[in-house]
Full PDB file with SEQRES, HELIX, SHEET, SSBOND, CRYST1, ORIGX, SCALE, CONECT and MASTER records, all heavy atoms in Angstrom:
SEQRES   1 A   34  ASN ASN TYR CYS MET GLY TRP PHE ARG GLN ALA PRO GLY          
SEQRES   2 A   34  LYS GLU ARG GLU PHE VAL ALA ALA VAL THR TYR ARG GLY          
SEQRES   3 A   34  SER ARG ILE ASP TYR ALA ASP SER                              
SHEET    1 AA1 3 MET A   5  ARG A   9  0                                        
SHEET    2 AA1 3 GLU A  17  VAL A  22 -1                                        
SHEET    3 AA1 3 ILE A  29  TYR A  31 -1                                        
CRYST1    1.000    1.000    1.000  90.00  90.00  90.00 P 1           1          
ORIGX1      1.000000  0.000000  0.000000        0.00000                         
ORIGX2      0.000000  1.000000  0.000000        0.00000                         
ORIGX3      0.000000  0.000000  1.000000        0.00000                         
SCALE1      1.000000  0.000000  0.000000        0.00000                         
SCALE2      0.000000  1.000000  0.000000        0.00000                         
SCALE3      0.000000  0.000000  1.000000        0.00000                         
ATOM      1  N   ASN A   1      -6.149  12.849   9.182  1.00  0.00           N  
ATOM      2  CA  ASN A   1      -5.050  13.691   8.743  1.00  0.00           C  
ATOM      3  C   ASN A   1      -3.708  13.077   9.136  1.00  0.00           C  
ATOM      4  O   ASN A   1      -3.572  12.446  10.183  1.00  0.00           O  
ATOM      5  CB  ASN A   1      -5.188  15.083   9.336  1.00  0.00           C  
ATOM      6  CG  ASN A   1      -4.348  16.118   8.615  1.00  0.00           C  
ATOM      7  OD1 ASN A   1      -3.861  15.892   7.510  1.00  0.00           O  
ATOM      8  ND2 ASN A   1      -4.179  17.266   9.254  1.00  0.00           N  
ATOM      9  N   ASN A   2      -2.708  13.284   8.272  1.00  0.00           N  
ATOM     10  CA  ASN A   2      -1.328  12.868   8.500  1.00  0.00           C  
ATOM     11  C   ASN A   2      -1.112  11.362   8.488  1.00  0.00           C  
ATOM     12  O   ASN A   2      -0.087  10.877   8.956  1.00  0.00           O  
ATOM     13  CB  ASN A   2      -0.778  13.462   9.795  1.00  0.00           C  
ATOM     14  CG  ASN A   2      -0.728  14.971   9.771  1.00  0.00           C  
ATOM     15  OD1 ASN A   2      -0.382  15.565   8.751  1.00  0.00           O  
ATOM     16  ND2 ASN A   2      -1.067  15.597  10.887  1.00  0.00           N  
ATOM     17  N   TYR A   3      -2.056  10.618   7.967  1.00  0.00           N  
ATOM     18  CA  TYR A   3      -1.914   9.175   7.861  1.00  0.00           C  
ATOM     19  C   TYR A   3      -1.643   8.767   6.426  1.00  0.00           C  
ATOM     20  O   TYR A   3      -2.354   9.177   5.508  1.00  0.00           O  
ATOM     21  CB  TYR A   3      -3.161   8.443   8.361  1.00  0.00           C  
ATOM     22  CG  TYR A   3      -3.196   8.280   9.856  1.00  0.00           C  
ATOM     23  CD1 TYR A   3      -3.759   9.256  10.662  1.00  0.00           C  
ATOM     24  CD2 TYR A   3      -2.657   7.148  10.456  1.00  0.00           C  
ATOM     25  CE1 TYR A   3      -3.778   9.118  12.039  1.00  0.00           C  
ATOM     26  CE2 TYR A   3      -2.677   7.001  11.824  1.00  0.00           C  
ATOM     27  CZ  TYR A   3      -3.238   7.976  12.610  1.00  0.00           C  
ATOM     28  OH  TYR A   3      -3.263   7.837  13.980  1.00  0.00           O  
ATOM     29  N   CYS A   4      -0.617   7.954   6.253  1.00  0.00           N  
ATOM     30  CA  CYS A   4      -0.424   7.236   5.008  1.00  0.00           C  
ATOM     31  C   CYS A   4      -1.300   5.984   5.059  1.00  0.00           C  
ATOM     32  O   CYS A   4      -1.282   5.253   6.054  1.00  0.00           O  
ATOM     33  CB  CYS A   4       1.038   6.858   4.828  1.00  0.00           C  
ATOM     34  SG  CYS A   4       1.388   5.907   3.337  1.00  0.00           S  
ATOM     35  N   MET A   5      -2.062   5.758   4.015  1.00  0.00           N  
ATOM     36  CA  MET A   5      -2.955   4.619   3.950  1.00  0.00           C  
ATOM     37  C   MET A   5      -2.454   3.647   2.898  1.00  0.00           C  
ATOM     38  O   MET A   5      -2.135   4.056   1.779  1.00  0.00           O  
ATOM     39  CB  MET A   5      -4.375   5.056   3.609  1.00  0.00           C  
ATOM     40  CG  MET A   5      -4.965   6.064   4.578  1.00  0.00           C  
ATOM     41  SD  MET A   5      -5.207   5.378   6.242  1.00  0.00           S  
ATOM     42  CE  MET A   5      -6.365   4.053   5.901  1.00  0.00           C  
ATOM     43  N   GLY A   6      -2.397   2.388   3.267  1.00  0.00           N  
ATOM     44  CA  GLY A   6      -1.883   1.381   2.358  1.00  0.00           C  
ATOM     45  C   GLY A   6      -2.810   0.199   2.207  1.00  0.00           C  
ATOM     46  O   GLY A   6      -3.661  -0.064   3.061  1.00  0.00           O  
ATOM     47  N   TRP A   7      -2.636  -0.487   1.104  1.00  0.00           N  
ATOM     48  CA  TRP A   7      -3.300  -1.765   0.862  1.00  0.00           C  
ATOM     49  C   TRP A   7      -2.240  -2.844   0.708  1.00  0.00           C  
ATOM     50  O   TRP A   7      -1.260  -2.658  -0.020  1.00  0.00           O  
ATOM     51  CB  TRP A   7      -4.172  -1.733  -0.391  1.00  0.00           C  
ATOM     52  CG  TRP A   7      -5.453  -0.975  -0.235  1.00  0.00           C  
ATOM     53  CD1 TRP A   7      -5.706   0.305  -0.604  1.00  0.00           C  
ATOM     54  CD2 TRP A   7      -6.669  -1.481   0.319  1.00  0.00           C  
ATOM     55  NE1 TRP A   7      -7.004   0.638  -0.311  1.00  0.00           N  
ATOM     56  CE2 TRP A   7      -7.620  -0.434   0.256  1.00  0.00           C  
ATOM     57  CE3 TRP A   7      -7.053  -2.709   0.864  1.00  0.00           C  
ATOM     58  CZ2 TRP A   7      -8.928  -0.583   0.721  1.00  0.00           C  
ATOM     59  CZ3 TRP A   7      -8.351  -2.855   1.326  1.00  0.00           C  
ATOM     60  CH2 TRP A   7      -9.269  -1.800   1.251  1.00  0.00           C  
ATOM     61  N   PHE A   8      -2.445  -3.940   1.394  1.00  0.00           N  
ATOM     62  CA  PHE A   8      -1.584  -5.109   1.311  1.00  0.00           C  
ATOM     63  C   PHE A   8      -2.432  -6.324   0.992  1.00  0.00           C  
ATOM     64  O   PHE A   8      -3.646  -6.304   1.156  1.00  0.00           O  
ATOM     65  CB  PHE A   8      -0.830  -5.327   2.624  1.00  0.00           C  
ATOM     66  CG  PHE A   8       0.189  -4.267   2.928  1.00  0.00           C  
ATOM     67  CD1 PHE A   8      -0.196  -3.021   3.394  1.00  0.00           C  
ATOM     68  CD2 PHE A   8       1.540  -4.510   2.744  1.00  0.00           C  
ATOM     69  CE1 PHE A   8       0.732  -2.040   3.676  1.00  0.00           C  
ATOM     70  CE2 PHE A   8       2.489  -3.544   3.021  1.00  0.00           C  
ATOM     71  CZ  PHE A   8       2.082  -2.308   3.484  1.00  0.00           C  
ATOM     72  N   ARG A   9      -1.792  -7.382   0.557  1.00  0.00           N  
ATOM     73  CA  ARG A   9      -2.518  -8.616   0.310  1.00  0.00           C  
ATOM     74  C   ARG A   9      -1.672  -9.803   0.718  1.00  0.00           C  
ATOM     75  O   ARG A   9      -0.444  -9.741   0.719  1.00  0.00           O  
ATOM     76  CB  ARG A   9      -2.938  -8.736  -1.154  1.00  0.00           C  
ATOM     77  CG  ARG A   9      -1.791  -8.877  -2.150  1.00  0.00           C  
ATOM     78  CD  ARG A   9      -2.319  -8.826  -3.571  1.00  0.00           C  
ATOM     79  NE  ARG A   9      -1.271  -9.016  -4.558  1.00  0.00           N  
ATOM     80  CZ  ARG A   9      -1.444  -8.905  -5.860  1.00  0.00           C  
ATOM     81  NH1 ARG A   9      -2.648  -8.592  -6.354  1.00  0.00           N  
ATOM     82  NH2 ARG A   9      -0.428  -9.103  -6.694  1.00  0.00           N  
ATOM     83  N   GLN A  10      -2.345 -10.876   1.060  1.00  0.00           N  
ATOM     84  CA  GLN A  10      -1.669 -12.081   1.482  1.00  0.00           C  
ATOM     85  C   GLN A  10      -2.391 -13.291   0.910  1.00  0.00           C  
ATOM     86  O   GLN A  10      -3.557 -13.535   1.226  1.00  0.00           O  
ATOM     87  CB  GLN A  10      -1.603 -12.175   3.006  1.00  0.00           C  
ATOM     88  CG  GLN A  10      -0.767 -13.328   3.514  1.00  0.00           C  
ATOM     89  CD  GLN A  10      -0.486 -13.220   5.001  1.00  0.00           C  
ATOM     90  OE1 GLN A  10      -1.149 -12.471   5.718  1.00  0.00           O  
ATOM     91  NE2 GLN A  10       0.495 -13.959   5.476  1.00  0.00           N  
ATOM     92  N   ALA A  11      -1.689 -14.028   0.075  1.00  0.00           N  
ATOM     93  CA  ALA A  11      -2.203 -15.260  -0.490  1.00  0.00           C  
ATOM     94  C   ALA A  11      -1.819 -16.421   0.417  1.00  0.00           C  
ATOM     95  O   ALA A  11      -0.863 -16.324   1.198  1.00  0.00           O  
ATOM     96  CB  ALA A  11      -1.654 -15.474  -1.893  1.00  0.00           C  
ATOM     97  N   PRO A  12      -2.540 -17.535   0.339  1.00  0.00           N  
ATOM     98  CA  PRO A  12      -2.222 -18.683   1.183  1.00  0.00           C  
ATOM     99  C   PRO A  12      -0.777 -19.128   1.036  1.00  0.00           C  
ATOM    100  O   PRO A  12      -0.277 -19.289  -0.083  1.00  0.00           O  
ATOM    101  CB  PRO A  12      -3.187 -19.765   0.691  1.00  0.00           C  
ATOM    102  CG  PRO A  12      -4.349 -18.998   0.144  1.00  0.00           C  
ATOM    103  CD  PRO A  12      -3.736 -17.769  -0.487  1.00  0.00           C  
ATOM    104  N   GLY A  13      -0.096 -19.294   2.153  1.00  0.00           N  
ATOM    105  CA  GLY A  13       1.277 -19.755   2.143  1.00  0.00           C  
ATOM    106  C   GLY A  13       2.304 -18.712   1.769  1.00  0.00           C  
ATOM    107  O   GLY A  13       3.488 -19.046   1.646  1.00  0.00           O  
ATOM    108  N   LYS A  14       1.892 -17.479   1.586  1.00  0.00           N  
ATOM    109  CA  LYS A  14       2.807 -16.426   1.191  1.00  0.00           C  
ATOM    110  C   LYS A  14       2.825 -15.300   2.216  1.00  0.00           C  
ATOM    111  O   LYS A  14       1.925 -15.173   3.044  1.00  0.00           O  
ATOM    112  CB  LYS A  14       2.434 -15.871  -0.187  1.00  0.00           C  
ATOM    113  CG  LYS A  14       2.536 -16.878  -1.316  1.00  0.00           C  
ATOM    114  CD  LYS A  14       2.259 -16.234  -2.656  1.00  0.00           C  
ATOM    115  CE  LYS A  14       2.415 -17.224  -3.789  1.00  0.00           C  
ATOM    116  NZ  LYS A  14       2.148 -16.598  -5.109  1.00  0.00           N  
ATOM    117  N   GLU A  15       3.871 -14.487   2.140  1.00  0.00           N  
ATOM    118  CA  GLU A  15       3.989 -13.341   3.017  1.00  0.00           C  
ATOM    119  C   GLU A  15       3.057 -12.226   2.568  1.00  0.00           C  
ATOM    120  O   GLU A  15       2.694 -12.126   1.394  1.00  0.00           O  
ATOM    121  CB  GLU A  15       5.433 -12.840   3.041  1.00  0.00           C  
ATOM    122  CG  GLU A  15       6.438 -13.834   3.594  1.00  0.00           C  
ATOM    123  CD  GLU A  15       6.226 -14.093   5.060  1.00  0.00           C  
ATOM    124  OE1 GLU A  15       5.918 -13.131   5.798  1.00  0.00           O  
ATOM    125  OE2 GLU A  15       6.360 -15.248   5.484  1.00  0.00           O  
ATOM    126  N   ARG A  16       2.681 -11.408   3.516  1.00  0.00           N  
ATOM    127  CA  ARG A  16       1.883 -10.244   3.186  1.00  0.00           C  
ATOM    128  C   ARG A  16       2.723  -9.266   2.363  1.00  0.00           C  
ATOM    129  O   ARG A  16       3.861  -8.959   2.722  1.00  0.00           O  
ATOM    130  CB  ARG A  16       1.387  -9.574   4.466  1.00  0.00           C  
ATOM    131  CG  ARG A  16       0.318  -8.527   4.252  1.00  0.00           C  
ATOM    132  CD  ARG A  16      -0.305  -8.096   5.573  1.00  0.00           C  
ATOM    133  NE  ARG A  16      -0.928  -9.216   6.258  1.00  0.00           N  
ATOM    134  CZ  ARG A  16      -1.612  -9.111   7.393  1.00  0.00           C  
ATOM    135  NH1 ARG A  16      -1.767  -7.925   7.959  1.00  0.00           N  
ATOM    136  NH2 ARG A  16      -2.130 -10.186   7.953  1.00  0.00           N  
ATOM    137  N   GLU A  17       2.166  -8.788   1.261  1.00  0.00           N  
ATOM    138  CA  GLU A  17       2.922  -7.953   0.352  1.00  0.00           C  
ATOM    139  C   GLU A  17       2.234  -6.620   0.094  1.00  0.00           C  
ATOM    140  O   GLU A  17       1.009  -6.505   0.125  1.00  0.00           O  
ATOM    141  CB  GLU A  17       3.166  -8.673  -0.979  1.00  0.00           C  
ATOM    142  CG  GLU A  17       1.908  -8.953  -1.777  1.00  0.00           C  
ATOM    143  CD  GLU A  17       2.195  -9.584  -3.129  1.00  0.00           C  
ATOM    144  OE1 GLU A  17       3.386  -9.791  -3.459  1.00  0.00           O  
ATOM    145  OE2 GLU A  17       1.227  -9.879  -3.870  1.00  0.00           O  
ATOM    146  N   PHE A  18       3.052  -5.640  -0.185  1.00  0.00           N  
ATOM    147  CA  PHE A  18       2.578  -4.303  -0.495  1.00  0.00           C  
ATOM    148  C   PHE A  18       1.844  -4.278  -1.816  1.00  0.00           C  
ATOM    149  O   PHE A  18       2.279  -4.886  -2.793  1.00  0.00           O  
ATOM    150  CB  PHE A  18       3.775  -3.346  -0.547  1.00  0.00           C  
ATOM    151  CG  PHE A  18       3.451  -1.967  -1.045  1.00  0.00           C  
ATOM    152  CD1 PHE A  18       2.914  -1.016  -0.195  1.00  0.00           C  
ATOM    153  CD2 PHE A  18       3.695  -1.615  -2.357  1.00  0.00           C  
ATOM    154  CE1 PHE A  18       2.621   0.259  -0.644  1.00  0.00           C  
ATOM    155  CE2 PHE A  18       3.410  -0.345  -2.823  1.00  0.00           C  
ATOM    156  CZ  PHE A  18       2.870   0.587  -1.956  1.00  0.00           C  
ATOM    157  N   VAL A  19       0.733  -3.565  -1.853  1.00  0.00           N  
ATOM    158  CA  VAL A  19      -0.042  -3.402  -3.076  1.00  0.00           C  
ATOM    159  C   VAL A  19      -0.039  -1.947  -3.535  1.00  0.00           C  
ATOM    160  O   VAL A  19       0.318  -1.637  -4.669  1.00  0.00           O  
ATOM    161  CB  VAL A  19      -1.490  -3.888  -2.897  1.00  0.00           C  
ATOM    162  CG1 VAL A  19      -2.316  -3.598  -4.153  1.00  0.00           C  
ATOM    163  CG2 VAL A  19      -1.520  -5.376  -2.582  1.00  0.00           C  
ATOM    164  N   ALA A  20      -0.435  -1.051  -2.646  1.00  0.00           N  
ATOM    165  CA  ALA A  20      -0.530   0.362  -3.000  1.00  0.00           C  
ATOM    166  C   ALA A  20      -0.605   1.192  -1.734  1.00  0.00           C  
ATOM    167  O   ALA A  20      -0.982   0.696  -0.674  1.00  0.00           O  
ATOM    168  CB  ALA A  20      -1.755   0.631  -3.880  1.00  0.00           C  
ATOM    169  N   ALA A  21      -0.256   2.464  -1.843  1.00  0.00           N  
ATOM    170  CA  ALA A  21      -0.357   3.370  -0.711  1.00  0.00           C  
ATOM    171  C   ALA A  21      -0.556   4.793  -1.203  1.00  0.00           C  
ATOM    172  O   ALA A  21      -0.127   5.145  -2.308  1.00  0.00           O  
ATOM    173  CB  ALA A  21       0.885   3.289   0.178  1.00  0.00           C  
ATOM    174  N   VAL A  22      -1.190   5.599  -0.383  1.00  0.00           N  
ATOM    175  CA  VAL A  22      -1.411   7.006  -0.686  1.00  0.00           C  
ATOM    176  C   VAL A  22      -1.232   7.817   0.584  1.00  0.00           C  
ATOM    177  O   VAL A  22      -1.707   7.431   1.657  1.00  0.00           O  
ATOM    178  CB  VAL A  22      -2.812   7.236  -1.303  1.00  0.00           C  
ATOM    179  CG1 VAL A  22      -3.915   6.708  -0.384  1.00  0.00           C  
ATOM    180  CG2 VAL A  22      -3.027   8.710  -1.615  1.00  0.00           C  
ATOM    181  N   THR A  23      -0.527   8.930   0.478  1.00  0.00           N  
ATOM    182  CA  THR A  23      -0.326   9.814   1.619  1.00  0.00           C  
ATOM    183  C   THR A  23      -1.450  10.830   1.701  1.00  0.00           C  
ATOM    184  O   THR A  23      -2.185  11.071   0.736  1.00  0.00           O  
ATOM    185  CB  THR A  23       1.011  10.557   1.525  1.00  0.00           C  
ATOM    186  OG1 THR A  23       1.008  11.404   0.353  1.00  0.00           O  
ATOM    187  CG2 THR A  23       2.173   9.583   1.421  1.00  0.00           C  
ATOM    188  N   TYR A  24      -1.597  11.429   2.876  1.00  0.00           N  
ATOM    189  CA  TYR A  24      -2.623  12.445   3.048  1.00  0.00           C  
ATOM    190  C   TYR A  24      -2.191  13.782   2.459  1.00  0.00           C  
ATOM    191  O   TYR A  24      -2.914  14.389   1.673  1.00  0.00           O  
ATOM    192  CB  TYR A  24      -2.966  12.614   4.526  1.00  0.00           C  
ATOM    193  CG  TYR A  24      -4.091  13.599   4.762  1.00  0.00           C  
ATOM    194  CD1 TYR A  24      -5.415  13.188   4.714  1.00  0.00           C  
ATOM    195  CD2 TYR A  24      -3.823  14.940   5.025  1.00  0.00           C  
ATOM    196  CE1 TYR A  24      -6.452  14.079   4.925  1.00  0.00           C  
ATOM    197  CE2 TYR A  24      -4.862  15.839   5.234  1.00  0.00           C  
ATOM    198  CZ  TYR A  24      -6.168  15.409   5.183  1.00  0.00           C  
ATOM    199  OH  TYR A  24      -7.191  16.304   5.389  1.00  0.00           O  
ATOM    200  N   ARG A  25      -1.019  14.242   2.851  1.00  0.00           N  
ATOM    201  CA  ARG A  25      -0.498  15.502   2.342  1.00  0.00           C  
ATOM    202  C   ARG A  25       0.305  15.257   1.069  1.00  0.00           C  
ATOM    203  O   ARG A  25       1.196  14.416   1.047  1.00  0.00           O  
ATOM    204  CB  ARG A  25       0.385  16.178   3.379  1.00  0.00           C  
ATOM    205  CG  ARG A  25      -0.336  16.588   4.651  1.00  0.00           C  
ATOM    206  CD  ARG A  25       0.606  17.313   5.595  1.00  0.00           C  
ATOM    207  NE  ARG A  25       1.121  18.546   4.995  1.00  0.00           N  
ATOM    208  CZ  ARG A  25       2.070  19.309   5.532  1.00  0.00           C  
ATOM    209  NH1 ARG A  25       2.612  18.959   6.691  1.00  0.00           N  
ATOM    210  NH2 ARG A  25       2.475  20.403   4.907  1.00  0.00           N  
ATOM    211  N   GLY A  26      -0.046  15.960   0.032  1.00  0.00           N  
ATOM    212  CA  GLY A  26       0.650  15.854  -1.231  1.00  0.00           C  
ATOM    213  C   GLY A  26       0.114  14.781  -2.152  1.00  0.00           C  
ATOM    214  O   GLY A  26       0.508  14.725  -3.327  1.00  0.00           O  
ATOM    215  N   SER A  27      -0.740  13.915  -1.630  1.00  0.00           N  
ATOM    216  CA  SER A  27      -1.371  12.872  -2.432  1.00  0.00           C  
ATOM    217  C   SER A  27      -0.353  12.027  -3.194  1.00  0.00           C  
ATOM    218  O   SER A  27      -0.570  11.674  -4.358  1.00  0.00           O  
ATOM    219  CB  SER A  27      -2.378  13.493  -3.411  1.00  0.00           C  
ATOM    220  OG  SER A  27      -3.402  14.163  -2.710  1.00  0.00           O  
ATOM    221  N   ARG A  28       0.752  11.706  -2.545  1.00  0.00           N  
ATOM    222  CA  ARG A  28       1.738  10.831  -3.167  1.00  0.00           C  
ATOM    223  C   ARG A  28       1.227   9.405  -3.172  1.00  0.00           C  
ATOM    224  O   ARG A  28       0.679   8.935  -2.173  1.00  0.00           O  
ATOM    225  CB  ARG A  28       3.075  10.921  -2.432  1.00  0.00           C  
ATOM    226  CG  ARG A  28       3.717  12.288  -2.523  1.00  0.00           C  
ATOM    227  CD  ARG A  28       5.077  12.304  -1.860  1.00  0.00           C  
ATOM    228  NE  ARG A  28       5.696  13.624  -1.952  1.00  0.00           N  
ATOM    229  CZ  ARG A  28       6.914  13.901  -1.526  1.00  0.00           C  
ATOM    230  NH1 ARG A  28       7.659  12.967  -0.961  1.00  0.00           N  
ATOM    231  NH2 ARG A  28       7.391  15.137  -1.646  1.00  0.00           N  
ATOM    232  N   ILE A  29       1.429   8.733  -4.285  1.00  0.00           N  
ATOM    233  CA  ILE A  29       0.888   7.403  -4.507  1.00  0.00           C  
ATOM    234  C   ILE A  29       1.952   6.502  -5.106  1.00  0.00           C  
ATOM    235  O   ILE A  29       2.771   6.945  -5.917  1.00  0.00           O  
ATOM    236  CB  ILE A  29      -0.338   7.462  -5.447  1.00  0.00           C  
ATOM    237  CG1 ILE A  29      -1.489   8.227  -4.792  1.00  0.00           C  
ATOM    238  CG2 ILE A  29      -0.787   6.069  -5.860  1.00  0.00           C  
ATOM    239  CD1 ILE A  29      -2.665   8.480  -5.711  1.00  0.00           C  
ATOM    240  N   ASP A  30       1.935   5.244  -4.724  1.00  0.00           N  
ATOM    241  CA  ASP A  30       2.793   4.267  -5.363  1.00  0.00           C  
ATOM    242  C   ASP A  30       2.101   2.911  -5.352  1.00  0.00           C  
ATOM    243  O   ASP A  30       1.227   2.651  -4.522  1.00  0.00           O  
ATOM    244  CB  ASP A  30       4.158   4.173  -4.686  1.00  0.00           C  
ATOM    245  CG  ASP A  30       5.228   3.644  -5.631  1.00  0.00           C  
ATOM    246  OD1 ASP A  30       4.926   3.406  -6.818  1.00  0.00           O  
ATOM    247  OD2 ASP A  30       6.375   3.468  -5.184  1.00  0.00           O  
ATOM    248  N   TYR A  31       2.526   2.050  -6.284  1.00  0.00           N  
ATOM    249  CA  TYR A  31       1.939   0.736  -6.456  1.00  0.00           C  
ATOM    250  C   TYR A  31       3.021  -0.317  -6.598  1.00  0.00           C  
ATOM    251  O   TYR A  31       4.128  -0.030  -7.052  1.00  0.00           O  
ATOM    252  CB  TYR A  31       1.073   0.677  -7.717  1.00  0.00           C  
ATOM    253  CG  TYR A  31      -0.068   1.660  -7.761  1.00  0.00           C  
ATOM    254  CD1 TYR A  31       0.090   2.923  -8.317  1.00  0.00           C  
ATOM    255  CD2 TYR A  31      -1.315   1.312  -7.251  1.00  0.00           C  
ATOM    256  CE1 TYR A  31      -0.960   3.818  -8.369  1.00  0.00           C  
ATOM    257  CE2 TYR A  31      -2.372   2.205  -7.299  1.00  0.00           C  
ATOM    258  CZ  TYR A  31      -2.188   3.454  -7.855  1.00  0.00           C  
ATOM    259  OH  TYR A  31      -3.240   4.341  -7.905  1.00  0.00           O  
ATOM    260  N   ALA A  32       2.666  -1.530  -6.238  1.00  0.00           N  
ATOM    261  CA  ALA A  32       3.529  -2.647  -6.562  1.00  0.00           C  
ATOM    262  C   ALA A  32       3.556  -2.835  -8.071  1.00  0.00           C  
ATOM    263  O   ALA A  32       2.568  -2.569  -8.764  1.00  0.00           O  
ATOM    264  CB  ALA A  32       3.032  -3.922  -5.882  1.00  0.00           C  
ATOM    265  N   ASP A  33       4.688  -3.291  -8.590  1.00  0.00           N  
ATOM    266  CA  ASP A  33       4.815  -3.473 -10.032  1.00  0.00           C  
ATOM    267  C   ASP A  33       3.747  -4.418 -10.581  1.00  0.00           C  
ATOM    268  O   ASP A  33       3.287  -4.248 -11.715  1.00  0.00           O  
ATOM    269  CB  ASP A  33       6.199  -4.015 -10.377  1.00  0.00           C  
ATOM    270  CG  ASP A  33       7.294  -2.983 -10.192  1.00  0.00           C  
ATOM    271  OD1 ASP A  33       6.990  -1.771 -10.159  1.00  0.00           O  
ATOM    272  OD2 ASP A  33       8.469  -3.391 -10.089  1.00  0.00           O  
ATOM    273  N   SER A  34       3.344  -5.372  -9.794  1.00  0.00           N  
ATOM    274  CA  SER A  34       2.398  -6.373 -10.257  1.00  0.00           C  
ATOM    275  C   SER A  34       0.996  -5.820 -10.502  1.00  0.00           C  
ATOM    276  O   SER A  34       0.196  -6.461 -11.190  1.00  0.00           O  
ATOM    277  CB  SER A  34       2.318  -7.529  -9.254  1.00  0.00           C  
ATOM    278  OG  SER A  34       1.921  -7.062  -7.978  1.00  0.00           O  
TER     279      SER A  34                                                      
MASTER        0    0    0    0    3    0    0    6  278    1    0    3          
END                                                                             
């Protein structure tokens, strides 16, 4: 409860980048444009 959960990815030689996330309350979701 009360945790936002996210997915990130990191390709070789690149910075770790945001992919997607979902909140616990309200089920708010967002994604990287890619």
